PDB file of all heavy atoms in Angstrom:
ATOM      1  N   GLU A   1     120.442 146.210 119.896  1.00  0.00           N
ATOM      2  CA  GLU A   1     121.163 147.338 119.418  1.00  0.00           C
ATOM      3  C   GLU A   1     122.588 146.964 118.939  1.00  0.00           C
ATOM      4  O   GLU A   1     123.187 147.759 118.168  1.00  0.00           O
ATOM      5  CB  GLU A   1     121.340 148.399 120.513  1.00  0.00           C
ATOM      6  CG  GLU A   1     119.990 149.122 120.985  1.00  0.00           C
ATOM      7  CD  GLU A   1     119.343 148.251 122.062  1.00  0.00           C
ATOM      8  OE1 GLU A   1     119.856 147.026 122.437  1.00  0.00           O
ATOM      9  OE2 GLU A   1     118.475 148.744 122.771  1.00  0.00           O
ATOM     10  N   ALA A   2     123.166 145.859 119.387  1.00  0.00           N
ATOM     11  CA  ALA A   2     124.430 145.550 119.027  1.00  0.00           C
ATOM     12  C   ALA A   2     124.532 144.048 118.561  1.00  0.00           C
ATOM     13  O   ALA A   2     125.507 143.359 118.522  1.00  0.00           O
ATOM     14  CB  ALA A   2     125.413 145.667 120.213  1.00  0.00           C
ATOM     15  N   PHE A   3     123.339 143.591 118.039  1.00  0.00           N
ATOM     16  CA  PHE A   3     123.322 142.296 117.396  1.00  0.00           C
ATOM     17  C   PHE A   3     122.932 142.534 115.953  1.00  0.00           C
ATOM     18  O   PHE A   3     121.801 142.815 115.612  1.00  0.00           O
ATOM     19  CB  PHE A   3     122.260 141.407 118.037  1.00  0.00           C
ATOM     20  CG  PHE A   3     122.298 139.808 117.736  1.00  0.00           C
ATOM     21  CD1 PHE A   3     122.094 138.946 118.706  1.00  0.00           C
ATOM     22  CD2 PHE A   3     122.833 139.441 116.436  1.00  0.00           C
ATOM     23  CE1 PHE A   3     122.252 137.589 118.533  1.00  0.00           C
ATOM     24  CE2 PHE A   3     122.885 138.108 116.216  1.00  0.00           C
ATOM     25  CZ  PHE A   3     122.574 137.243 117.081  1.00  0.00           C
ATOM     26  N   LEU A   4     123.958 142.430 115.069  1.00  0.00           N
ATOM     27  CA  LEU A   4     123.761 143.061 113.751  1.00  0.00           C
ATOM     28  C   LEU A   4     124.217 142.025 112.586  1.00  0.00           C
ATOM     29  O   LEU A   4     124.980 141.099 112.981  1.00  0.00           O
ATOM     30  CB  LEU A   4     124.638 144.331 113.571  1.00  0.00           C
ATOM     31  CG  LEU A   4     124.668 145.415 114.739  1.00  0.00           C
ATOM     32  CD1 LEU A   4     125.734 146.504 114.475  1.00  0.00           C
ATOM     33  CD2 LEU A   4     123.313 145.934 114.836  1.00  0.00           C
ATOM     34  N   VAL A   5     123.629 142.171 111.453  1.00  0.00           N
ATOM     35  CA  VAL A   5     123.940 141.330 110.391  1.00  0.00           C
ATOM     36  C   VAL A   5     124.401 142.213 109.174  1.00  0.00           C
ATOM     37  O   VAL A   5     124.026 143.365 109.055  1.00  0.00           O
ATOM     38  CB  VAL A   5     122.775 140.515 110.008  1.00  0.00           C
ATOM     39  CG1 VAL A   5     122.412 139.369 111.004  1.00  0.00           C
ATOM     40  CG2 VAL A   5     121.558 141.351 109.605  1.00  0.00           C
ATOM     41  N   ALA A   6     125.185 141.583 108.329  1.00  0.00           N
ATOM     42  CA  ALA A   6     125.691 142.191 107.070  1.00  0.00           C
ATOM     43  C   ALA A   6     124.977 141.405 105.872  1.00  0.00           C
ATOM     44  O   ALA A   6     125.172 140.149 105.989  1.00  0.00           O
ATOM     45  CB  ALA A   6     127.153 142.236 106.961  1.00  0.00           C
ATOM     46  N   GLU A   7     124.382 141.994 104.904  1.00  0.00           N
ATOM     47  CA  GLU A   7     123.795 141.331 103.830  1.00  0.00           C
ATOM     48  C   GLU A   7     124.177 141.905 102.532  1.00  0.00           C
ATOM     49  O   GLU A   7     124.395 143.147 102.400  1.00  0.00           O
ATOM     50  CB  GLU A   7     122.274 141.486 103.978  1.00  0.00           C
ATOM     51  CG  GLU A   7     121.488 140.658 104.897  1.00  0.00           C
ATOM     52  CD  GLU A   7     119.984 140.841 104.797  1.00  0.00           C
ATOM     53  OE1 GLU A   7     119.589 141.921 104.433  1.00  0.00           O
ATOM     54  OE2 GLU A   7     119.283 139.845 105.057  1.00  0.00           O
ATOM     55  N   ILE A   8     124.346 141.122 101.524  1.00  0.00           N
ATOM     56  CA  ILE A   8     124.575 141.448 100.133  1.00  0.00           C
ATOM     57  C   ILE A   8     123.642 140.777  99.251  1.00  0.00           C
ATOM     58  O   ILE A   8     123.536 139.544  99.224  1.00  0.00           O
ATOM     59  CB  ILE A   8     126.035 141.140  99.733  1.00  0.00           C
ATOM     60  CG1 ILE A   8     127.043 141.948 100.486  1.00  0.00           C
ATOM     61  CG2 ILE A   8     126.192 141.462  98.176  1.00  0.00           C
ATOM     62  CD1 ILE A   8     128.561 141.690 100.112  1.00  0.00           C
ATOM     63  N   GLY A   9     122.749 141.483  98.675  1.00  0.00           N
ATOM     64  CA  GLY A   9     121.755 140.914  97.805  1.00  0.00           C
ATOM     65  C   GLY A   9     120.778 139.941  98.551  1.00  0.00           C
ATOM     66  O   GLY A   9     120.445 138.909  97.863  1.00  0.00           O
ATOM     67  N   GLY A  10     120.609 140.158  99.794  1.00  0.00           N
ATOM     68  CA  GLY A  10     119.741 139.293 100.537  1.00  0.00           C
ATOM     69  C   GLY A  10     120.466 138.133 101.229  1.00  0.00           C
ATOM     70  O   GLY A  10     119.875 137.276 101.941  1.00  0.00           O
ATOM     71  N   LYS A  11     121.762 137.990 100.843  1.00  0.00           N
ATOM     72  CA  LYS A  11     122.480 136.859 101.449  1.00  0.00           C
ATOM     73  C   LYS A  11     123.238 137.440 102.673  1.00  0.00           C
ATOM     74  O   LYS A  11     123.930 138.380 102.682  1.00  0.00           O
ATOM     75  CB  LYS A  11     123.553 136.483 100.468  1.00  0.00           C
ATOM     76  CG  LYS A  11     124.437 135.179 100.986  1.00  0.00           C
ATOM     77  CD  LYS A  11     125.416 134.771  99.964  1.00  0.00           C
ATOM     78  CE  LYS A  11     126.395 133.774 100.587  1.00  0.00           C
ATOM     79  NZ  LYS A  11     127.412 133.316  99.577  1.00  0.00           N
ATOM     80  N   HIS A  12     123.138 136.602 103.823  1.00  0.00           N
ATOM     81  CA  HIS A  12     123.888 136.848 105.041  1.00  0.00           C
ATOM     82  C   HIS A  12     125.374 136.625 104.793  1.00  0.00           C
ATOM     83  O   HIS A  12     125.677 135.522 104.494  1.00  0.00           O
ATOM     84  CB  HIS A  12     123.323 136.113 106.168  1.00  0.00           C
ATOM     85  CG  HIS A  12     121.922 136.523 106.591  1.00  0.00           C
ATOM     86  ND1 HIS A  12     120.783 136.178 105.691  1.00  0.00           N
ATOM     87  CD2 HIS A  12     121.402 137.112 107.663  1.00  0.00           C
ATOM     88  CE1 HIS A  12     119.674 136.578 106.288  1.00  0.00           C
ATOM     89  NE2 HIS A  12     120.040 137.167 107.454  1.00  0.00           N
ATOM     90  N   VAL A  13     126.221 137.662 105.039  1.00  0.00           N
ATOM     91  CA  VAL A  13     127.567 137.410 104.832  1.00  0.00           C
ATOM     92  C   VAL A  13     128.413 137.780 106.088  1.00  0.00           C
ATOM     93  O   VAL A  13     129.668 137.452 106.062  1.00  0.00           O
ATOM     94  CB  VAL A  13     128.137 138.361 103.703  1.00  0.00           C
ATOM     95  CG1 VAL A  13     127.532 138.001 102.317  1.00  0.00           C
ATOM     96  CG2 VAL A  13     127.967 139.800 103.927  1.00  0.00           C
ATOM     97  N   GLY A  14     127.782 138.327 107.086  1.00  0.00           N
ATOM     98  CA  GLY A  14     128.495 138.496 108.399  1.00  0.00           C
ATOM     99  C   GLY A  14     127.588 138.910 109.467  1.00  0.00           C
ATOM    100  O   GLY A  14     126.348 139.166 109.193  1.00  0.00           O
ATOM    101  N   TYR A  15     128.067 138.890 110.713  1.00  0.00           N
ATOM    102  CA  TYR A  15     127.299 139.218 111.793  1.00  0.00           C
ATOM    103  C   TYR A  15     128.242 139.659 113.019  1.00  0.00           C
ATOM    104  O   TYR A  15     129.461 139.407 112.966  1.00  0.00           O
ATOM    105  CB  TYR A  15     126.418 138.057 112.373  1.00  0.00           C
ATOM    106  CG  TYR A  15     127.201 136.983 113.050  1.00  0.00           C
ATOM    107  CD1 TYR A  15     127.357 137.039 114.470  1.00  0.00           C
ATOM    108  CD2 TYR A  15     127.821 135.922 112.307  1.00  0.00           C
ATOM    109  CE1 TYR A  15     128.155 136.092 115.095  1.00  0.00           C
ATOM    110  CE2 TYR A  15     128.480 135.047 113.057  1.00  0.00           C
ATOM    111  CZ  TYR A  15     128.743 135.104 114.373  1.00  0.00           C
ATOM    112  OH  TYR A  15     129.471 134.137 114.992  1.00  0.00           O
ATOM    113  N   ILE A  16     127.615 140.295 113.979  1.00  0.00           N
ATOM    114  CA  ILE A  16     128.189 140.633 115.229  1.00  0.00           C
ATOM    115  C   ILE A  16     127.224 140.536 116.354  1.00  0.00           C
ATOM    116  O   ILE A  16     126.082 141.004 116.070  1.00  0.00           O
ATOM    117  CB  ILE A  16     128.985 141.940 115.191  1.00  0.00           C
ATOM    118  CG1 ILE A  16     129.832 142.152 116.509  1.00  0.00           C
ATOM    119  CG2 ILE A  16     127.973 143.147 115.098  1.00  0.00           C
ATOM    120  CD1 ILE A  16     130.769 143.378 116.376  1.00  0.00           C
ATOM    121  N   MET A  17     127.584 139.971 117.485  1.00  0.00           N
ATOM    122  CA  MET A  17     126.614 139.914 118.623  1.00  0.00           C
ATOM    123  C   MET A  17     127.363 140.255 119.852  1.00  0.00           C
ATOM    124  O   MET A  17     128.617 139.874 119.992  1.00  0.00           O
ATOM    125  CB  MET A  17     125.906 138.561 118.645  1.00  0.00           C
ATOM    126  CG  MET A  17     126.755 137.413 118.857  1.00  0.00           C
ATOM    127  SD  MET A  17     125.772 135.877 118.850  1.00  0.00           S
ATOM    128  CE  MET A  17     126.987 134.620 119.268  1.00  0.00           C
ATOM    129  N   CYS A  18     126.725 140.920 120.700  1.00  0.00           N
ATOM    130  CA  CYS A  18     127.347 141.415 121.958  1.00  0.00           C
ATOM    131  C   CYS A  18     126.360 141.179 123.109  1.00  0.00           C
ATOM    132  O   CYS A  18     125.221 140.787 123.025  1.00  0.00           O
ATOM    133  CB  CYS A  18     127.611 142.846 121.852  1.00  0.00           C
ATOM    134  SG  CYS A  18     128.646 143.389 120.411  1.00  0.00           S
ATOM    135  N   LYS A  19     126.895 141.421 124.287  1.00  0.00           N
ATOM    136  CA  LYS A  19     126.110 141.360 125.589  1.00  0.00           C
ATOM    137  C   LYS A  19     126.549 142.444 126.517  1.00  0.00           C
ATOM    138  O   LYS A  19     127.582 143.043 126.295  1.00  0.00           O
ATOM    139  CB  LYS A  19     126.170 139.945 126.217  1.00  0.00           C
ATOM    140  CG  LYS A  19     127.519 139.581 126.747  1.00  0.00           C
ATOM    141  CD  LYS A  19     127.546 138.216 127.410  1.00  0.00           C
ATOM    142  CE  LYS A  19     128.874 137.855 127.996  1.00  0.00           C
ATOM    143  NZ  LYS A  19     128.715 136.505 128.589  1.00  0.00           N
ATOM    144  N   THR A  20     125.851 142.677 127.549  1.00  0.00           N
ATOM    145  CA  THR A  20     126.219 143.472 128.578  1.00  0.00           C
ATOM    146  C   THR A  20     126.437 142.834 129.963  1.00  0.00           C
ATOM    147  O   THR A  20     125.798 141.719 130.160  1.00  0.00           O
ATOM    148  CB  THR A  20     125.110 144.705 128.753  1.00  0.00           C
ATOM    149  OG1 THR A  20     123.827 144.014 129.127  1.00  0.00           O
ATOM    150  CG2 THR A  20     124.992 145.489 127.545  1.00  0.00           C
ATOM    151  N   GLU A  21     127.231 143.357 130.707  1.00  0.00           N
ATOM    152  CA  GLU A  21     127.603 142.728 131.993  1.00  0.00           C
ATOM    153  C   GLU A  21     128.069 143.819 132.941  1.00  0.00           C
ATOM    154  O   GLU A  21     128.488 144.885 132.554  1.00  0.00           O
ATOM    155  CB  GLU A  21     128.614 141.589 131.830  1.00  0.00           C
ATOM    156  CG  GLU A  21     129.917 142.056 131.158  1.00  0.00           C
ATOM    157  CD  GLU A  21     130.713 140.860 130.655  1.00  0.00           C
ATOM    158  OE1 GLU A  21     130.071 139.816 130.261  1.00  0.00           O
ATOM    159  OE2 GLU A  21     131.897 140.936 130.478  1.00  0.00           O
ATOM    160  N   TYR A  22     128.037 143.461 134.300  1.00  0.00           N
ATOM    161  CA  TYR A  22     128.622 144.318 135.276  1.00  0.00           C
ATOM    162  C   TYR A  22     129.838 143.632 135.919  1.00  0.00           C
ATOM    163  O   TYR A  22     129.775 142.415 136.093  1.00  0.00           O
ATOM    164  CB  TYR A  22     127.566 144.679 136.368  1.00  0.00           C
ATOM    165  CG  TYR A  22     126.432 145.506 135.875  1.00  0.00           C
ATOM    166  CD1 TYR A  22     125.235 144.904 135.307  1.00  0.00           C
ATOM    167  CD2 TYR A  22     126.442 146.871 136.071  1.00  0.00           C
ATOM    168  CE1 TYR A  22     124.205 145.687 134.831  1.00  0.00           C
ATOM    169  CE2 TYR A  22     125.395 147.700 135.680  1.00  0.00           C
ATOM    170  CZ  TYR A  22     124.366 147.120 135.053  1.00  0.00           C
ATOM    171  OH  TYR A  22     123.329 147.906 134.548  1.00  0.00           O
ATOM    172  N   GLY A  23     130.836 144.450 136.095  1.00  0.00           N
ATOM    173  CA  GLY A  23     132.101 143.936 136.690  1.00  0.00           C
ATOM    174  C   GLY A  23     133.132 144.946 136.851  1.00  0.00           C
ATOM    175  O   GLY A  23     132.901 146.165 136.639  1.00  0.00           O
ATOM    176  N   PHE A  24     134.209 144.522 137.228  1.00  0.00           N
ATOM    177  CA  PHE A  24     135.467 145.463 137.553  1.00  0.00           C
ATOM    178  C   PHE A  24     135.831 146.100 136.235  1.00  0.00           C
ATOM    179  O   PHE A  24     135.879 145.384 135.114  1.00  0.00           O
ATOM    180  CB  PHE A  24     136.585 144.720 138.222  1.00  0.00           C
ATOM    181  CG  PHE A  24     136.225 144.345 139.625  1.00  0.00           C
ATOM    182  CD1 PHE A  24     136.056 143.045 139.930  1.00  0.00           C
ATOM    183  CD2 PHE A  24     136.091 145.303 140.554  1.00  0.00           C
ATOM    184  CE1 PHE A  24     135.710 142.686 141.279  1.00  0.00           C
ATOM    185  CE2 PHE A  24     135.937 144.960 141.851  1.00  0.00           C
ATOM    186  CZ  PHE A  24     135.663 143.631 142.276  1.00  0.00           C
ATOM    187  N   SER A  25     136.196 147.351 136.224  1.00  0.00           N
ATOM    188  CA  SER A  25     136.615 148.106 135.132  1.00  0.00           C
ATOM    189  C   SER A  25     137.962 147.527 134.501  1.00  0.00           C
ATOM    190  O   SER A  25     138.791 147.060 135.368  1.00  0.00           O
ATOM    191  CB  SER A  25     136.764 149.551 135.486  1.00  0.00           C
ATOM    192  OG  SER A  25     137.341 150.272 134.463  1.00  0.00           O
ATOM    193  N   ASN A  26     138.076 147.604 133.210  1.00  0.00           N
ATOM    194  CA  ASN A  26     139.317 147.313 132.661  1.00  0.00           C
ATOM    195  C   ASN A  26     140.302 148.483 132.588  1.00  0.00           C
ATOM    196  O   ASN A  26     141.465 148.311 132.176  1.00  0.00           O
ATOM    197  CB  ASN A  26     139.126 146.883 131.177  1.00  0.00           C
ATOM    198  CG  ASN A  26     138.396 145.551 131.080  1.00  0.00           C
ATOM    199  OD1 ASN A  26     138.751 144.490 131.498  1.00  0.00           O
ATOM    200  ND2 ASN A  26     137.195 145.609 130.488  1.00  0.00           N
ATOM    201  N   PHE A  27     139.852 149.594 133.229  1.00  0.00           N
ATOM    202  CA  PHE A  27     140.668 150.760 133.200  1.00  0.00           C
ATOM    203  C   PHE A  27     140.920 151.298 134.586  1.00  0.00           C
ATOM    204  O   PHE A  27     141.939 151.822 134.963  1.00  0.00           O
ATOM    205  CB  PHE A  27     140.018 151.824 132.301  1.00  0.00           C
ATOM    206  CG  PHE A  27     140.051 151.468 130.862  1.00  0.00           C
ATOM    207  CD1 PHE A  27     138.852 150.859 130.357  1.00  0.00           C
ATOM    208  CD2 PHE A  27     141.124 151.655 130.023  1.00  0.00           C
ATOM    209  CE1 PHE A  27     138.834 150.490 129.090  1.00  0.00           C
ATOM    210  CE2 PHE A  27     141.051 151.375 128.673  1.00  0.00           C
ATOM    211  CZ  PHE A  27     139.944 150.689 128.209  1.00  0.00           C
ATOM    212  N   LYS A  28     139.909 151.286 135.513  1.00  0.00           N
ATOM    213  CA  LYS A  28     139.936 151.874 136.763  1.00  0.00           C
ATOM    214  C   LYS A  28     140.252 150.814 137.815  1.00  0.00           C
ATOM    215  O   LYS A  28     139.629 149.725 137.798  1.00  0.00           O
ATOM    216  CB  LYS A  28     138.649 152.590 137.132  1.00  0.00           C
ATOM    217  CG  LYS A  28     138.302 153.627 136.215  1.00  0.00           C
ATOM    218  CD  LYS A  28     136.984 154.259 136.585  1.00  0.00           C
ATOM    219  CE  LYS A  28     136.485 155.387 135.664  1.00  0.00           C
ATOM    220  NZ  LYS A  28     136.229 154.965 134.215  1.00  0.00           N
ATOM    221  N   LYS A  29     141.150 151.066 138.764  1.00  0.00           N
ATOM    222  CA  LYS A  29     141.625 150.061 139.740  1.00  0.00           C
ATOM    223  C   LYS A  29     140.493 149.571 140.574  1.00  0.00           C
ATOM    224  O   LYS A  29     140.393 148.341 140.936  1.00  0.00           O
ATOM    225  CB  LYS A  29     142.718 150.585 140.556  1.00  0.00           C
ATOM    226  CG  LYS A  29     143.938 150.750 139.815  1.00  0.00           C
ATOM    227  CD  LYS A  29     145.150 151.116 140.820  1.00  0.00           C
ATOM    228  CE  LYS A  29     146.489 151.291 139.984  1.00  0.00           C
ATOM    229  NZ  LYS A  29     147.549 151.761 140.905  1.00  0.00           N
ATOM    230  N   LEU A  30     139.584 150.474 141.004  1.00  0.00           N
ATOM    231  CA  LEU A  30     138.468 150.033 141.922  1.00  0.00           C
ATOM    232  C   LEU A  30     137.129 150.332 141.320  1.00  0.00           C
ATOM    233  O   LEU A  30     136.165 150.206 142.024  1.00  0.00           O
ATOM    234  CB  LEU A  30     138.596 150.935 143.232  1.00  0.00           C
ATOM    235  CG  LEU A  30     139.918 150.745 144.064  1.00  0.00           C
ATOM    236  CD1 LEU A  30     139.937 151.705 145.192  1.00  0.00           C
ATOM    237  CD2 LEU A  30     140.141 149.344 144.406  1.00  0.00           C
ATOM    238  N   GLY A  31     137.083 150.478 140.086  1.00  0.00           N
ATOM    239  CA  GLY A  31     135.818 150.758 139.389  1.00  0.00           C
ATOM    240  C   GLY A  31     134.916 149.558 139.089  1.00  0.00           C
ATOM    241  O   GLY A  31     135.469 148.508 138.739  1.00  0.00           O
ATOM    242  N   PHE A  32     133.621 149.629 139.402  1.00  0.00           N
ATOM    243  CA  PHE A  32     132.654 148.660 139.086  1.00  0.00           C
ATOM    244  C   PHE A  32     131.725 149.193 138.129  1.00  0.00           C
ATOM    245  O   PHE A  32     131.042 150.169 138.417  1.00  0.00           O
ATOM    246  CB  PHE A  32     131.876 148.143 140.459  1.00  0.00           C
ATOM    247  CG  PHE A  32     131.126 146.844 140.091  1.00  0.00           C
ATOM    248  CD1 PHE A  32     131.838 145.656 140.240  1.00  0.00           C
ATOM    249  CD2 PHE A  32     129.848 146.828 140.032  1.00  0.00           C
ATOM    250  CE1 PHE A  32     131.087 144.412 140.042  1.00  0.00           C
ATOM    251  CE2 PHE A  32     129.041 145.656 139.955  1.00  0.00           C
ATOM    252  CZ  PHE A  32     129.708 144.459 139.923  1.00  0.00           C
ATOM    253  N   VAL A  33     131.605 148.732 136.880  1.00  0.00           N
ATOM    254  CA  VAL A  33     131.006 149.394 135.787  1.00  0.00           C
ATOM    255  C   VAL A  33     130.155 148.452 135.018  1.00  0.00           C
ATOM    256  O   VAL A  33     130.136 147.211 135.061  1.00  0.00           O
ATOM    257  CB  VAL A  33     132.051 150.021 134.827  1.00  0.00           C
ATOM    258  CG1 VAL A  33     132.932 151.130 135.598  1.00  0.00           C
ATOM    259  CG2 VAL A  33     132.997 148.947 134.234  1.00  0.00           C
ATOM    260  N   LYS A  34     129.341 149.110 134.137  1.00  0.00           N
ATOM    261  CA  LYS A  34     128.553 148.405 133.119  1.00  0.00           C
ATOM    262  C   LYS A  34     129.401 148.253 131.840  1.00  0.00           C
ATOM    263  O   LYS A  34     129.766 149.280 131.362  1.00  0.00           O
ATOM    264  CB  LYS A  34     127.191 149.052 132.935  1.00  0.00           C
ATOM    265  CG  LYS A  34     126.278 148.417 131.940  1.00  0.00           C
ATOM    266  CD  LYS A  34     124.990 149.089 131.712  1.00  0.00           C
ATOM    267  CE  LYS A  34     124.070 148.250 130.794  1.00  0.00           C
ATOM    268  NZ  LYS A  34     122.838 149.043 130.616  1.00  0.00           N
ATOM    269  N   LYS A  35     129.557 147.047 131.374  1.00  0.00           N
ATOM    270  CA  LYS A  35     130.485 146.884 130.254  1.00  0.00           C
ATOM    271  C   LYS A  35     129.701 146.150 129.163  1.00  0.00           C
ATOM    272  O   LYS A  35     128.795 145.302 129.342  1.00  0.00           O
ATOM    273  CB  LYS A  35     131.632 145.956 130.727  1.00  0.00           C
ATOM    274  CG  LYS A  35     132.491 146.548 131.785  1.00  0.00           C
ATOM    275  CD  LYS A  35     133.657 145.739 132.058  1.00  0.00           C
ATOM    276  CE  LYS A  35     133.362 144.385 132.787  1.00  0.00           C
ATOM    277  NZ  LYS A  35     134.518 143.674 133.115  1.00  0.00           N
ATOM    278  N   GLY A  36     130.086 146.575 128.013  1.00  0.00           N
ATOM    279  CA  GLY A  36     129.663 145.804 126.720  1.00  0.00           C
ATOM    280  C   GLY A  36     130.660 144.767 126.525  1.00  0.00           C
ATOM    281  O   GLY A  36     131.919 144.975 126.629  1.00  0.00           O
ATOM    282  N   HIS A  37     130.248 143.619 125.911  1.00  0.00           N
ATOM    283  CA  HIS A  37     131.191 142.546 125.743  1.00  0.00           C
ATOM    284  C   HIS A  37     130.933 141.962 124.284  1.00  0.00           C
ATOM    285  O   HIS A  37     129.790 141.561 123.994  1.00  0.00           O
ATOM    286  CB  HIS A  37     131.061 141.430 126.731  1.00  0.00           C
ATOM    287  CG  HIS A  37     131.982 140.288 126.643  1.00  0.00           C
ATOM    288  ND1 HIS A  37     132.020 139.203 127.394  1.00  0.00           N
ATOM    289  CD2 HIS A  37     133.018 140.039 125.714  1.00  0.00           C
ATOM    290  CE1 HIS A  37     133.032 138.318 127.048  1.00  0.00           C
ATOM    291  NE2 HIS A  37     133.625 138.904 126.039  1.00  0.00           N
ATOM    292  N   MET A  38     131.911 142.113 123.458  1.00  0.00           N
ATOM    293  CA  MET A  38     131.699 141.516 122.091  1.00  0.00           C
ATOM    294  C   MET A  38     131.882 140.042 122.155  1.00  0.00           C
ATOM    295  O   MET A  38     132.963 139.550 122.375  1.00  0.00           O
ATOM    296  CB  MET A  38     132.752 142.151 121.141  1.00  0.00           C
ATOM    297  CG  MET A  38     132.516 141.740 119.648  1.00  0.00           C
ATOM    298  SD  MET A  38     133.886 142.266 118.477  1.00  0.00           S
ATOM    299  CE  MET A  38     133.788 144.032 118.856  1.00  0.00           C
ATOM    300  N   VAL A  39     130.810 139.314 121.864  1.00  0.00           N
ATOM    301  CA  VAL A  39     130.827 137.819 122.132  1.00  0.00           C
ATOM    302  C   VAL A  39     131.454 137.228 120.745  1.00  0.00           C
ATOM    303  O   VAL A  39     132.297 136.270 120.934  1.00  0.00           O
ATOM    304  CB  VAL A  39     129.402 137.351 122.349  1.00  0.00           C
ATOM    305  CG1 VAL A  39     129.448 135.857 122.279  1.00  0.00           C
ATOM    306  CG2 VAL A  39     128.951 137.958 123.598  1.00  0.00           C
ATOM    307  N   SER A  40     130.955 137.603 119.611  1.00  0.00           N
ATOM    308  CA  SER A  40     131.342 137.041 118.392  1.00  0.00           C
ATOM    309  C   SER A  40     131.063 138.004 117.252  1.00  0.00           C
ATOM    310  O   SER A  40     130.093 138.596 117.084  1.00  0.00           O
ATOM    311  CB  SER A  40     130.557 135.726 118.139  1.00  0.00           C
ATOM    312  OG  SER A  40     130.897 134.983 116.967  1.00  0.00           O
TER     313      SER A  40
END
């Protein structure tokens, strides 16, 4: 769902890939949440 490509005329010109992980929240002090992580 979050591993995407950009194409122009059949040529690959860009991409994005992500993953999911569980860990401490970046916003809540004590939160343990499911997070998306943009890898590249």
